[in-house]
């Protein structure tokens, strides 16, 4: 089992930047593919970005491509999401998730495939 705790959310003006962190504890971090998802009020959970176990392969939703960067530090058991050029439509609760993954280069984009989730951190972008 792995425990995930997000941090770094907050209120930012449109065009600004935030970096989210997801600290993992429990089993070895590098056996998990990781992902970021978000959910706005009244909306379904939405895929944002995913990264493979090694960090070599990433995937992004079209809505964030070129603005967000996912990365991981396997030595310090931490996942990151650097968010630049933020827009009001990026406002949501952002959650990280882990998927026990045998394949070192696979990215996982479907939320149903993830095993563990953090509680989420609120990101609010004002116009």
C-alpha atoms as a PDB file:
ATOM      1  CA  UNK A   1       0.000   0.000   0.000  1.00  0.00           C
ATOM      2  CA  UNK A   2       1.115   3.579  -0.608  1.00  0.00           C
ATOM      3  CA  UNK A   3      -0.034   6.830   0.965  1.00  0.00           C
ATOM      4  CA  UNK A   4      -0.158   9.974  -1.155  1.00  0.00           C
ATOM      5  CA  UNK A   5      -0.290  13.547   0.144  1.00  0.00           C
ATOM      6  CA  UNK A   6      -0.607  16.530  -2.192  1.00  0.00           C
ATOM      7  CA  UNK A   7       0.530  20.064  -1.460  1.00  0.00           C
ATOM      8  CA  UNK A   8       1.186  23.319  -3.277  1.00  0.00           C
ATOM      9  CA  UNK A   9      -2.305  24.339  -4.266  1.00  0.00           C
ATOM     10  CA  UNK A  10      -3.656  27.847  -3.756  1.00  0.00           C
ATOM     11  CA  UNK A  11      -5.065  30.958  -5.348  1.00  0.00           C
ATOM     12  CA  UNK A  12      -3.273  32.462  -8.327  1.00  0.00           C
ATOM     13  CA  UNK A  13      -4.102  35.014 -10.990  1.00  0.00           C
ATOM     14  CA  UNK A  14      -4.551  33.989 -14.590  1.00  0.00           C
ATOM     15  CA  UNK A  15      -1.189  33.690 -16.291  1.00  0.00           C
ATOM     16  CA  UNK A  16       0.526  32.733 -13.070  1.00  0.00           C
ATOM     17  CA  UNK A  17       2.270  29.531 -12.030  1.00  0.00           C
ATOM     18  CA  UNK A  18       2.028  26.918  -9.316  1.00  0.00           C
ATOM     19  CA  UNK A  19       3.919  23.731  -8.561  1.00  0.00           C
ATOM     20  CA  UNK A  20       2.056  20.856  -6.977  1.00  0.00           C
ATOM     21  CA  UNK A  21       3.834  18.123  -5.049  1.00  0.00           C
ATOM     22  CA  UNK A  22       2.696  14.633  -4.149  1.00  0.00           C
ATOM     23  CA  UNK A  23       4.652  12.928  -1.383  1.00  0.00           C
ATOM     24  CA  UNK A  24       4.453   9.150  -1.349  1.00  0.00           C
ATOM     25  CA  UNK A  25       5.122   6.816   1.549  1.00  0.00           C
ATOM     26  CA  UNK A  26       4.753   3.096   2.024  1.00  0.00           C
ATOM     27  CA  UNK A  27       6.004   0.780  -0.668  1.00  0.00           C
ATOM     28  CA  UNK A  28       8.827   1.630  -3.064  1.00  0.00           C
ATOM     29  CA  UNK A  29       7.855   4.672  -5.112  1.00  0.00           C
ATOM     30  CA  UNK A  30       9.563   3.558  -8.293  1.00  0.00           C
ATOM     31  CA  UNK A  31       7.270   0.561  -8.800  1.00  0.00           C
ATOM     32  CA  UNK A  32       4.340   2.878  -9.506  1.00  0.00           C
ATOM     33  CA  UNK A  33       3.293   4.736 -12.597  1.00  0.00           C
ATOM     34  CA  UNK A  34       1.891   8.068 -11.420  1.00  0.00           C
ATOM     35  CA  UNK A  35      -0.695  10.522 -12.596  1.00  0.00           C
ATOM     36  CA  UNK A  36      -2.380  13.822 -11.879  1.00  0.00           C
ATOM     37  CA  UNK A  37      -6.120  14.275 -12.227  1.00  0.00           C
ATOM     38  CA  UNK A  38      -8.452  17.168 -11.498  1.00  0.00           C
ATOM     39  CA  UNK A  39     -12.107  17.630 -10.712  1.00  0.00           C
ATOM     40  CA  UNK A  40     -14.048  20.856 -10.878  1.00  0.00           C
ATOM     41  CA  UNK A  41     -17.382  21.299  -9.080  1.00  0.00           C
ATOM     42  CA  UNK A  42     -20.149  19.505 -10.916  1.00  0.00           C
ATOM     43  CA  UNK A  43     -17.692  17.924 -13.338  1.00  0.00           C
ATOM     44  CA  UNK A  44     -16.252  14.460 -13.713  1.00  0.00           C
ATOM     45  CA  UNK A  45     -12.688  13.655 -12.800  1.00  0.00           C
ATOM     46  CA  UNK A  46     -10.377  14.608 -15.657  1.00  0.00           C
ATOM     47  CA  UNK A  47      -6.964  13.263 -16.640  1.00  0.00           C
ATOM     48  CA  UNK A  48      -4.225  15.906 -16.533  1.00  0.00           C
ATOM     49  CA  UNK A  49      -0.837  14.194 -16.855  1.00  0.00           C
ATOM     50  CA  UNK A  50       0.866  10.860 -16.320  1.00  0.00           C
ATOM     51  CA  UNK A  51       4.419   9.624 -15.976  1.00  0.00           C
ATOM     52  CA  UNK A  52       6.027   6.206 -16.196  1.00  0.00           C
ATOM     53  CA  UNK A  53       7.885   4.467 -13.389  1.00  0.00           C
ATOM     54  CA  UNK A  54      11.246   5.654 -14.678  1.00  0.00           C
ATOM     55  CA  UNK A  55      10.056   9.155 -15.532  1.00  0.00           C
ATOM     56  CA  UNK A  56      11.186   8.766 -19.122  1.00  0.00           C
ATOM     57  CA  UNK A  57       7.690   8.688 -20.621  1.00  0.00           C
ATOM     58  CA  UNK A  58       4.977  11.273 -20.032  1.00  0.00           C
ATOM     59  CA  UNK A  59       1.502  11.996 -21.333  1.00  0.00           C
ATOM     60  CA  UNK A  60      -0.665  15.112 -21.119  1.00  0.00           C
ATOM     61  CA  UNK A  61      -4.241  16.102 -21.718  1.00  0.00           C
ATOM     62  CA  UNK A  62      -4.567  18.376 -24.731  1.00  0.00           C
ATOM     63  CA  UNK A  63      -5.918  21.133 -22.516  1.00  0.00           C
ATOM     64  CA  UNK A  64      -2.652  21.402 -20.556  1.00  0.00           C
ATOM     65  CA  UNK A  65      -0.076  20.377 -23.134  1.00  0.00           C
ATOM     66  CA  UNK A  66       2.678  22.978 -23.392  1.00  0.00           C
ATOM     67  CA  UNK A  67       1.696  24.607 -20.099  1.00  0.00           C
ATOM     68  CA  UNK A  68       2.040  21.816 -17.500  1.00  0.00           C
ATOM     69  CA  UNK A  69       5.009  19.555 -16.813  1.00  0.00           C
ATOM     70  CA  UNK A  70       4.886  16.345 -14.810  1.00  0.00           C
ATOM     71  CA  UNK A  71       8.049  15.002 -13.204  1.00  0.00           C
ATOM     72  CA  UNK A  72       9.123  12.681 -10.425  1.00  0.00           C
ATOM     73  CA  UNK A  73      11.987  12.249  -7.993  1.00  0.00           C
ATOM     74  CA  UNK A  74      12.275   8.551  -7.231  1.00  0.00           C
ATOM     75  CA  UNK A  75      14.988   9.095  -4.639  1.00  0.00           C
ATOM     76  CA  UNK A  76      12.755  11.384  -2.601  1.00  0.00           C
ATOM     77  CA  UNK A  77       9.449   9.632  -3.392  1.00  0.00           C
ATOM     78  CA  UNK A  78       7.845  12.757  -4.801  1.00  0.00           C
ATOM     79  CA  UNK A  79       5.739  13.553  -7.832  1.00  0.00           C
ATOM     80  CA  UNK A  80       5.455  17.093  -9.205  1.00  0.00           C
ATOM     81  CA  UNK A  81       3.210  19.075 -11.498  1.00  0.00           C
ATOM     82  CA  UNK A  82       4.594  22.389 -12.702  1.00  0.00           C
ATOM     83  CA  UNK A  83       1.715  24.523 -13.957  1.00  0.00           C
ATOM     84  CA  UNK A  84       2.414  27.640 -16.014  1.00  0.00           C
ATOM     85  CA  UNK A  85       0.177  30.094 -17.864  1.00  0.00           C
ATOM     86  CA  UNK A  86      -2.721  29.118 -15.669  1.00  0.00           C
ATOM     87  CA  UNK A  87      -6.256  29.841 -16.829  1.00  0.00           C
ATOM     88  CA  UNK A  88      -9.513  30.170 -14.876  1.00  0.00           C
ATOM     89  CA  UNK A  89     -10.672  26.890 -16.427  1.00  0.00           C
ATOM     90  CA  UNK A  90      -7.778  25.143 -14.645  1.00  0.00           C
ATOM     91  CA  UNK A  91      -9.586  25.738 -11.348  1.00  0.00           C
ATOM     92  CA  UNK A  92     -10.213  22.355  -9.698  1.00  0.00           C
ATOM     93  CA  UNK A  93      -9.149  19.978  -6.973  1.00  0.00           C
ATOM     94  CA  UNK A  94      -5.972  18.281  -8.172  1.00  0.00           C
ATOM     95  CA  UNK A  95      -5.203  14.744  -7.024  1.00  0.00           C
ATOM     96  CA  UNK A  96      -2.281  12.442  -7.581  1.00  0.00           C
ATOM     97  CA  UNK A  97      -2.653   8.712  -8.036  1.00  0.00           C
ATOM     98  CA  UNK A  98      -0.437   5.638  -8.223  1.00  0.00           C
ATOM     99  CA  UNK A  99      -0.698   2.446 -10.243  1.00  0.00           C
ATOM    100  CA  UNK A 100       1.447  -0.590  -9.471  1.00  0.00           C
ATOM    101  CA  UNK A 101       3.025  -1.168 -12.840  1.00  0.00           C
ATOM    102  CA  UNK A 102       5.260  -3.989 -14.048  1.00  0.00           C
ATOM    103  CA  UNK A 103       6.229  -2.183 -17.252  1.00  0.00           C
ATOM    104  CA  UNK A 104       8.846   0.485 -16.565  1.00  0.00           C
ATOM    105  CA  UNK A 105       7.857   2.687 -19.505  1.00  0.00           C
ATOM    106  CA  UNK A 106       4.077   2.543 -19.430  1.00  0.00           C
ATOM    107  CA  UNK A 107       1.953   5.592 -18.708  1.00  0.00           C
ATOM    108  CA  UNK A 108      -1.568   5.223 -17.381  1.00  0.00           C
ATOM    109  CA  UNK A 109      -4.242   7.751 -18.286  1.00  0.00           C
ATOM    110  CA  UNK A 110      -7.465   6.049 -17.208  1.00  0.00           C
ATOM    111  CA  UNK A 111      -8.458   6.800 -13.608  1.00  0.00           C
ATOM    112  CA  UNK A 112      -9.999   3.351 -13.185  1.00  0.00           C
ATOM    113  CA  UNK A 113      -6.563   1.779 -13.535  1.00  0.00           C
ATOM    114  CA  UNK A 114      -5.123   3.604 -10.550  1.00  0.00           C
ATOM    115  CA  UNK A 115      -4.902   1.869  -7.198  1.00  0.00           C
ATOM    116  CA  UNK A 116      -4.295   4.663  -4.701  1.00  0.00           C
ATOM    117  CA  UNK A 117      -5.303   8.308  -4.541  1.00  0.00           C
ATOM    118  CA  UNK A 118      -4.400  11.323  -2.498  1.00  0.00           C
ATOM    119  CA  UNK A 119      -6.960  13.617  -0.893  1.00  0.00           C
ATOM    120  CA  UNK A 120      -6.353  16.424  -3.352  1.00  0.00           C
ATOM    121  CA  UNK A 121      -5.297  20.056  -3.241  1.00  0.00           C
ATOM    122  CA  UNK A 122      -7.385  23.012  -4.389  1.00  0.00           C
ATOM    123  CA  UNK A 123      -6.144  25.185  -7.235  1.00  0.00           C
ATOM    124  CA  UNK A 124      -8.087  28.371  -7.929  1.00  0.00           C
ATOM    125  CA  UNK A 125      -7.218  30.637 -10.840  1.00  0.00           C
ATOM    126  CA  UNK A 126      -8.793  34.086 -10.830  1.00  0.00           C
ATOM    127  CA  UNK A 127      -9.419  36.055 -13.992  1.00  0.00           C
END
